[in-house]
Amino acid sequence: GLSANLENLLLKDTKNEILYVFALNII
């Protein structure tokens, strides 16, 4: 199931939320 996790990681909504949460926290 690790490969499925990687595929889900690359979904557009997931990537957008990753970047959004990162930006809020680093600032």
PDB file of all heavy atoms in Angstrom:
ATOM      1  N   GLY A   1       0.787  -1.230   0.000  1.00  0.00           N
ATOM      2  CA  GLY A   1       0.000   0.000   0.000  1.00  0.00           C
ATOM      3  C   GLY A   1       0.814   1.272   0.000  1.00  0.00           C
ATOM      4  O   GLY A   1       0.271   2.369  -0.138  1.00  0.00           O
ATOM      5  N   LEU A   2       2.143   1.154   0.145  1.00  0.00           N
ATOM      6  CA  LEU A   2       2.984   2.354   0.155  1.00  0.00           C
ATOM      7  C   LEU A   2       2.959   3.049  -1.201  1.00  0.00           C
ATOM      8  O   LEU A   2       2.966   4.282  -1.278  1.00  0.00           O
ATOM      9  CB  LEU A   2       4.419   1.977   0.533  1.00  0.00           C
ATOM     10  CG  LEU A   2       5.380   3.148   0.799  1.00  0.00           C
ATOM     11  CD1 LEU A   2       4.851   4.040   1.911  1.00  0.00           C
ATOM     12  CD2 LEU A   2       6.762   2.627   1.159  1.00  0.00           C
ATOM     13  N   SER A   3       2.896   2.265  -2.289  1.00  0.00           N
ATOM     14  CA  SER A   3       2.832   2.853  -3.626  1.00  0.00           C
ATOM     15  C   SER A   3       1.526   3.615  -3.820  1.00  0.00           C
ATOM     16  O   SER A   3       1.497   4.667  -4.476  1.00  0.00           O
ATOM     17  CB  SER A   3       2.966   1.761  -4.699  1.00  0.00           C
ATOM     18  OG  SER A   3       1.950   0.789  -4.558  1.00  0.00           O
ATOM     19  N   ALA A   4       0.438   3.106  -3.246  1.00  0.00           N
ATOM     20  CA  ALA A   4      -0.856   3.799  -3.325  1.00  0.00           C
ATOM     21  C   ALA A   4      -0.787   5.117  -2.557  1.00  0.00           C
ATOM     22  O   ALA A   4      -1.356   6.136  -2.989  1.00  0.00           O
ATOM     23  CB  ALA A   4      -1.963   2.912  -2.771  1.00  0.00           C
ATOM     24  N   ASN A   5      -0.083   5.117  -1.425  1.00  0.00           N
ATOM     25  CA  ASN A   5       0.109   6.352  -0.660  1.00  0.00           C
ATOM     26  C   ASN A   5       0.858   7.387  -1.486  1.00  0.00           C
ATOM     27  O   ASN A   5       0.545   8.578  -1.447  1.00  0.00           O
ATOM     28  CB  ASN A   5       0.896   6.065   0.619  1.00  0.00           C
ATOM     29  CG  ASN A   5       0.051   5.423   1.698  1.00  0.00           C
ATOM     30  OD1 ASN A   5      -1.166   5.329   1.567  1.00  0.00           O
ATOM     31  ND2 ASN A   5       0.688   4.958   2.757  1.00  0.00           N
ATOM     32  N   LEU A   6       1.860   6.923  -2.228  1.00  0.00           N
ATOM     33  CA  LEU A   6       2.643   7.822  -3.063  1.00  0.00           C
ATOM     34  C   LEU A   6       1.784   8.412  -4.177  1.00  0.00           C
ATOM     35  O   LEU A   6       1.889   9.607  -4.491  1.00  0.00           O
ATOM     36  CB  LEU A   6       3.838   7.073  -3.655  1.00  0.00           C
ATOM     37  CG  LEU A   6       4.804   7.898  -4.513  1.00  0.00           C
ATOM     38  CD1 LEU A   6       5.365   9.060  -3.712  1.00  0.00           C
ATOM     39  CD2 LEU A   6       5.929   7.024  -5.054  1.00  0.00           C
ATOM     40  N   GLU A   7       0.927   7.600  -4.771  1.00  0.00           N
ATOM     41  CA  GLU A   7       0.024   8.088  -5.814  1.00  0.00           C
ATOM     42  C   GLU A   7      -0.933   9.135  -5.259  1.00  0.00           C
ATOM     43  O   GLU A   7      -1.180  10.165  -5.899  1.00  0.00           O
ATOM     44  CB  GLU A   7      -0.762   6.921  -6.410  1.00  0.00           C
ATOM     45  CG  GLU A   7       0.093   5.955  -7.231  1.00  0.00           C
ATOM     46  CD  GLU A   7      -0.716   4.776  -7.753  1.00  0.00           C
ATOM     47  OE1 GLU A   7      -1.948   4.758  -7.527  1.00  0.00           O
ATOM     48  OE2 GLU A   7      -0.113   3.866  -8.358  1.00  0.00           O
ATOM     49  N   ASN A   8      -1.469   8.883  -4.071  1.00  0.00           N
ATOM     50  CA  ASN A   8      -2.380   9.844  -3.445  1.00  0.00           C
ATOM     51  C   ASN A   8      -1.657  11.141  -3.092  1.00  0.00           C
ATOM     52  O   ASN A   8      -2.255  12.226  -3.116  1.00  0.00           O
ATOM     53  CB  ASN A   8      -2.996   9.241  -2.179  1.00  0.00           C
ATOM     54  CG  ASN A   8      -3.936   8.092  -2.489  1.00  0.00           C
ATOM     55  OD1 ASN A   8      -4.532   8.047  -3.562  1.00  0.00           O
ATOM     56  ND2 ASN A   8      -4.074   7.157  -1.559  1.00  0.00           N
ATOM     57  N   LEU A   9      -0.380  11.012  -2.767  1.00  0.00           N
ATOM     58  CA  LEU A   9       0.423  12.189  -2.429  1.00  0.00           C
ATOM     59  C   LEU A   9       0.539  13.145  -3.612  1.00  0.00           C
ATOM     60  O   LEU A   9       0.641  14.362  -3.436  1.00  0.00           O
ATOM     61  CB  LEU A   9       1.823  11.736  -1.987  1.00  0.00           C
ATOM     62  CG  LEU A   9       2.831  12.808  -1.581  1.00  0.00           C
ATOM     63  CD1 LEU A   9       2.385  13.479  -0.286  1.00  0.00           C
ATOM     64  CD2 LEU A   9       4.210  12.192  -1.407  1.00  0.00           C
ATOM     65  N   LEU A  10       0.499  12.592  -4.813  1.00  0.00           N
ATOM     66  CA  LEU A  10       0.692  13.382  -6.028  1.00  0.00           C
ATOM     67  C   LEU A  10      -0.610  13.958  -6.589  1.00  0.00           C
ATOM     68  O   LEU A  10      -0.591  14.635  -7.614  1.00  0.00           O
ATOM     69  CB  LEU A  10       1.372  12.526  -7.095  1.00  0.00           C
ATOM     70  CG  LEU A  10       2.758  11.976  -6.721  1.00  0.00           C
ATOM     71  CD1 LEU A  10       3.298  11.084  -7.815  1.00  0.00           C
ATOM     72  CD2 LEU A  10       3.735  13.109  -6.418  1.00  0.00           C
ATOM     73  N   LEU A  11      -1.729  13.700  -5.903  1.00  0.00           N
ATOM     74  CA  LEU A  11      -2.994  14.287  -6.337  1.00  0.00           C
ATOM     75  C   LEU A  11      -2.954  15.806  -6.183  1.00  0.00           C
ATOM     76  O   LEU A  11      -2.336  16.330  -5.247  1.00  0.00           O
ATOM     77  CB  LEU A  11      -4.155  13.709  -5.517  1.00  0.00           C
ATOM     78  CG  LEU A  11      -4.448  12.216  -5.706  1.00  0.00           C
ATOM     79  CD1 LEU A  11      -5.549  11.779  -4.752  1.00  0.00           C
ATOM     80  CD2 LEU A  11      -4.842  11.929  -7.153  1.00  0.00           C
ATOM     81  N   LYS A  12      -3.609  16.515  -7.067  1.00  0.00           N
ATOM     82  CA  LYS A  12      -3.547  17.979  -7.086  1.00  0.00           C
ATOM     83  C   LYS A  12      -4.003  18.586  -5.763  1.00  0.00           C
ATOM     84  O   LYS A  12      -3.336  19.472  -5.210  1.00  0.00           O
ATOM     85  CB  LYS A  12      -4.396  18.527  -8.226  1.00  0.00           C
ATOM     86  CG  LYS A  12      -4.349  20.057  -8.340  1.00  0.00           C
ATOM     87  CD  LYS A  12      -5.183  20.552  -9.510  1.00  0.00           C
ATOM     88  CE  LYS A  12      -5.138  22.078  -9.589  1.00  0.00           C
ATOM     89  NZ  LYS A  12      -5.955  22.584 -10.726  1.00  0.00           N
ATOM     90  N   ASP A  13      -5.150  18.139  -5.246  1.00  0.00           N
ATOM     91  CA  ASP A  13      -5.666  18.701  -3.989  1.00  0.00           C
ATOM     92  C   ASP A  13      -4.707  18.459  -2.835  1.00  0.00           C
ATOM     93  O   ASP A  13      -4.519  19.331  -1.972  1.00  0.00           O
ATOM     94  CB  ASP A  13      -7.036  18.093  -3.666  1.00  0.00           C
ATOM     95  CG  ASP A  13      -8.131  18.584  -4.613  1.00  0.00           C
ATOM     96  OD1 ASP A  13      -7.900  19.601  -5.301  1.00  0.00           O
ATOM     97  OD2 ASP A  13      -9.196  17.955  -4.663  1.00  0.00           O
ATOM     98  N   THR A  14      -4.105  17.281  -2.808  1.00  0.00           N
ATOM     99  CA  THR A  14      -3.160  16.954  -1.743  1.00  0.00           C
ATOM    100  C   THR A  14      -1.925  17.839  -1.817  1.00  0.00           C
ATOM    101  O   THR A  14      -1.455  18.375  -0.813  1.00  0.00           O
ATOM    102  CB  THR A  14      -2.732  15.475  -1.821  1.00  0.00           C
ATOM    103  OG1 THR A  14      -3.888  14.642  -1.762  1.00  0.00           O
ATOM    104  CG2 THR A  14      -1.802  15.122  -0.667  1.00  0.00           C
ATOM    105  N   LYS A  15      -1.388  18.009  -3.014  1.00  0.00           N
ATOM    106  CA  LYS A  15      -0.201  18.853  -3.191  1.00  0.00           C
ATOM    107  C   LYS A  15      -0.497  20.301  -2.802  1.00  0.00           C
ATOM    108  O   LYS A  15       0.336  20.959  -2.170  1.00  0.00           O
ATOM    109  CB  LYS A  15       0.288  18.779  -4.641  1.00  0.00           C
ATOM    110  CG  LYS A  15       0.911  17.444  -5.013  1.00  0.00           C
ATOM    111  CD  LYS A  15       1.612  17.492  -6.372  1.00  0.00           C
ATOM    112  CE  LYS A  15       0.621  17.676  -7.507  1.00  0.00           C
ATOM    113  NZ  LYS A  15       1.289  17.595  -8.830  1.00  0.00           N
ATOM    114  N   ASN A  16      -1.679  20.780  -3.177  1.00  0.00           N
ATOM    115  CA  ASN A  16      -2.049  22.155  -2.825  1.00  0.00           C
ATOM    116  C   ASN A  16      -2.147  22.347  -1.318  1.00  0.00           C
ATOM    117  O   ASN A  16      -1.699  23.364  -0.774  1.00  0.00           O
ATOM    118  CB  ASN A  16      -3.385  22.520  -3.481  1.00  0.00           C
ATOM    119  CG  ASN A  16      -3.273  22.701  -4.986  1.00  0.00           C
ATOM    120  OD1 ASN A  16      -2.174  22.902  -5.506  1.00  0.00           O
ATOM    121  ND2 ASN A  16      -4.382  22.627  -5.682  1.00  0.00           N
ATOM    122  N   GLU A  17      -2.726  21.360  -0.626  1.00  0.00           N
ATOM    123  CA  GLU A  17      -2.852  21.477   0.831  1.00  0.00           C
ATOM    124  C   GLU A  17      -1.484  21.371   1.501  1.00  0.00           C
ATOM    125  O   GLU A  17      -1.220  22.058   2.492  1.00  0.00           O
ATOM    126  CB  GLU A  17      -3.791  20.406   1.380  1.00  0.00           C
ATOM    127  CG  GLU A  17      -4.082  20.581   2.858  1.00  0.00           C
ATOM    128  CD  GLU A  17      -5.309  19.821   3.331  1.00  0.00           C
ATOM    129  OE1 GLU A  17      -5.863  19.035   2.535  1.00  0.00           O
ATOM    130  OE2 GLU A  17      -5.708  20.005   4.493  1.00  0.00           O
ATOM    131  N   ILE A  18      -0.613  20.541   0.961  1.00  0.00           N
ATOM    132  CA  ILE A  18       0.744  20.426   1.496  1.00  0.00           C
ATOM    133  C   ILE A  18       1.458  21.775   1.432  1.00  0.00           C
ATOM    134  O   ILE A  18       2.053  22.235   2.414  1.00  0.00           O
ATOM    135  CB  ILE A  18       1.540  19.359   0.713  1.00  0.00           C
ATOM    136  CG1 ILE A  18       1.079  17.957   1.105  1.00  0.00           C
ATOM    137  CG2 ILE A  18       3.051  19.503   0.976  1.00  0.00           C
ATOM    138  CD1 ILE A  18       1.693  16.858   0.270  1.00  0.00           C
ATOM    139  N   LEU A  19       1.394  22.419   0.283  1.00  0.00           N
ATOM    140  CA  LEU A  19       2.062  23.709   0.112  1.00  0.00           C
ATOM    141  C   LEU A  19       1.415  24.795   0.964  1.00  0.00           C
ATOM    142  O   LEU A  19       2.113  25.663   1.513  1.00  0.00           O
ATOM    143  CB  LEU A  19       2.032  24.111  -1.370  1.00  0.00           C
ATOM    144  CG  LEU A  19       2.854  23.231  -2.312  1.00  0.00           C
ATOM    145  CD1 LEU A  19       2.649  23.653  -3.761  1.00  0.00           C
ATOM    146  CD2 LEU A  19       4.335  23.283  -1.945  1.00  0.00           C
ATOM    147  N   TYR A  20       0.099  24.741   1.095  1.00  0.00           N
ATOM    148  CA  TYR A  20      -0.626  25.740   1.885  1.00  0.00           C
ATOM    149  C   TYR A  20      -0.244  25.635   3.364  1.00  0.00           C
ATOM    150  O   TYR A  20       0.085  26.643   4.006  1.00  0.00           O
ATOM    151  CB  TYR A  20      -2.130  25.525   1.711  1.00  0.00           C
ATOM    152  CG  TYR A  20      -2.987  26.509   2.489  1.00  0.00           C
ATOM    153  CD1 TYR A  20      -3.033  27.852   2.146  1.00  0.00           C
ATOM    154  CD2 TYR A  20      -3.751  26.075   3.578  1.00  0.00           C
ATOM    155  CE1 TYR A  20      -3.826  28.752   2.863  1.00  0.00           C
ATOM    156  CE2 TYR A  20      -4.534  26.965   4.296  1.00  0.00           C
ATOM    157  CZ  TYR A  20      -4.571  28.294   3.927  1.00  0.00           C
ATOM    158  OH  TYR A  20      -5.358  29.182   4.641  1.00  0.00           O
ATOM    159  N   VAL A  21      -0.269  24.432   3.899  1.00  0.00           N
ATOM    160  CA  VAL A  21       0.076  24.228   5.310  1.00  0.00           C
ATOM    161  C   VAL A  21       1.532  24.580   5.558  1.00  0.00           C
ATOM    162  O   VAL A  21       1.874  25.196   6.582  1.00  0.00           O
ATOM    163  CB  VAL A  21      -0.210  22.769   5.724  1.00  0.00           C
ATOM    164  CG1 VAL A  21       0.326  22.495   7.131  1.00  0.00           C
ATOM    165  CG2 VAL A  21      -1.707  22.486   5.666  1.00  0.00           C
ATOM    166  N   PHE A  22       2.408  24.213   4.637  1.00  0.00           N
ATOM    167  CA  PHE A  22       3.825  24.568   4.776  1.00  0.00           C
ATOM    168  C   PHE A  22       4.002  26.082   4.831  1.00  0.00           C
ATOM    169  O   PHE A  22       4.704  26.607   5.712  1.00  0.00           O
ATOM    170  CB  PHE A  22       4.644  24.006   3.611  1.00  0.00           C
ATOM    171  CG  PHE A  22       5.880  24.807   3.319  1.00  0.00           C
ATOM    172  CD1 PHE A  22       6.963  24.776   4.186  1.00  0.00           C
ATOM    173  CD2 PHE A  22       5.949  25.623   2.200  1.00  0.00           C
ATOM    174  CE1 PHE A  22       8.098  25.544   3.937  1.00  0.00           C
ATOM    175  CE2 PHE A  22       7.078  26.383   1.945  1.00  0.00           C
ATOM    176  CZ  PHE A  22       8.157  26.344   2.816  1.00  0.00           C
ATOM    177  N   ALA A  23       3.356  26.809   3.903  1.00  0.00           N
ATOM    178  CA  ALA A  23       3.511  28.264   3.824  1.00  0.00           C
ATOM    179  C   ALA A  23       3.039  28.943   5.106  1.00  0.00           C
ATOM    180  O   ALA A  23       3.718  29.833   5.644  1.00  0.00           O
ATOM    181  CB  ALA A  23       2.725  28.810   2.627  1.00  0.00           C
ATOM    182  N   LEU A  24       1.893  28.513   5.637  1.00  0.00           N
ATOM    183  CA  LEU A  24       1.374  29.107   6.865  1.00  0.00           C
ATOM    184  C   LEU A  24       2.331  28.882   8.026  1.00  0.00           C
ATOM    185  O   LEU A  24       2.593  29.787   8.826  1.00  0.00           O
ATOM    186  CB  LEU A  24       0.003  28.513   7.202  1.00  0.00           C
ATOM    187  CG  LEU A  24      -1.151  28.824   6.243  1.00  0.00           C
ATOM    188  CD1 LEU A  24      -2.434  28.204   6.765  1.00  0.00           C
ATOM    189  CD2 LEU A  24      -1.314  30.319   6.056  1.00  0.00           C
ATOM    190  N   ASN A  25       2.861  27.684   8.124  1.00  0.00           N
ATOM    191  CA  ASN A  25       3.718  27.344   9.260  1.00  0.00           C
ATOM    192  C   ASN A  25       5.082  28.007   9.190  1.00  0.00           C
ATOM    193  O   ASN A  25       5.612  28.450  10.208  1.00  0.00           O
ATOM    194  CB  ASN A  25       3.870  25.826   9.370  1.00  0.00           C
ATOM    195  CG  ASN A  25       2.707  25.163  10.074  1.00  0.00           C
ATOM    196  OD1 ASN A  25       2.659  25.111  11.298  1.00  0.00           O
ATOM    197  ND2 ASN A  25       1.754  24.671   9.311  1.00  0.00           N
ATOM    198  N   ILE A  26       5.674  28.079   7.997  1.00  0.00           N
ATOM    199  CA  ILE A  26       7.011  28.671   7.896  1.00  0.00           C
ATOM    200  C   ILE A  26       6.956  30.172   8.150  1.00  0.00           C
ATOM    201  O   ILE A  26       7.872  30.754   8.739  1.00  0.00           O
ATOM    202  CB  ILE A  26       7.661  28.378   6.518  1.00  0.00           C
ATOM    203  CG1 ILE A  26       9.170  28.639   6.570  1.00  0.00           C
ATOM    204  CG2 ILE A  26       7.007  29.200   5.425  1.00  0.00           C
ATOM    205  CD1 ILE A  26       9.936  27.664   7.405  1.00  0.00           C
ATOM    206  N   ILE A  27       5.850  30.809   7.735  1.00  0.00           N
ATOM    207  CA  ILE A  27       5.700  32.241   8.007  1.00  0.00           C
ATOM    208  C   ILE A  27       5.442  32.472   9.487  1.00  0.00           C
ATOM    209  O   ILE A  27       6.018  33.366  10.108  1.00  0.00           O
ATOM    210  CB  ILE A  27       4.554  32.842   7.154  1.00  0.00           C
ATOM    211  CG1 ILE A  27       4.905  32.763   5.664  1.00  0.00           C
ATOM    212  CG2 ILE A  27       4.310  34.297   7.541  1.00  0.00           C
ATOM    213  CD1 ILE A  27       3.787  33.187   4.741  1.00  0.00           C
TER     214      ILE A  27
END
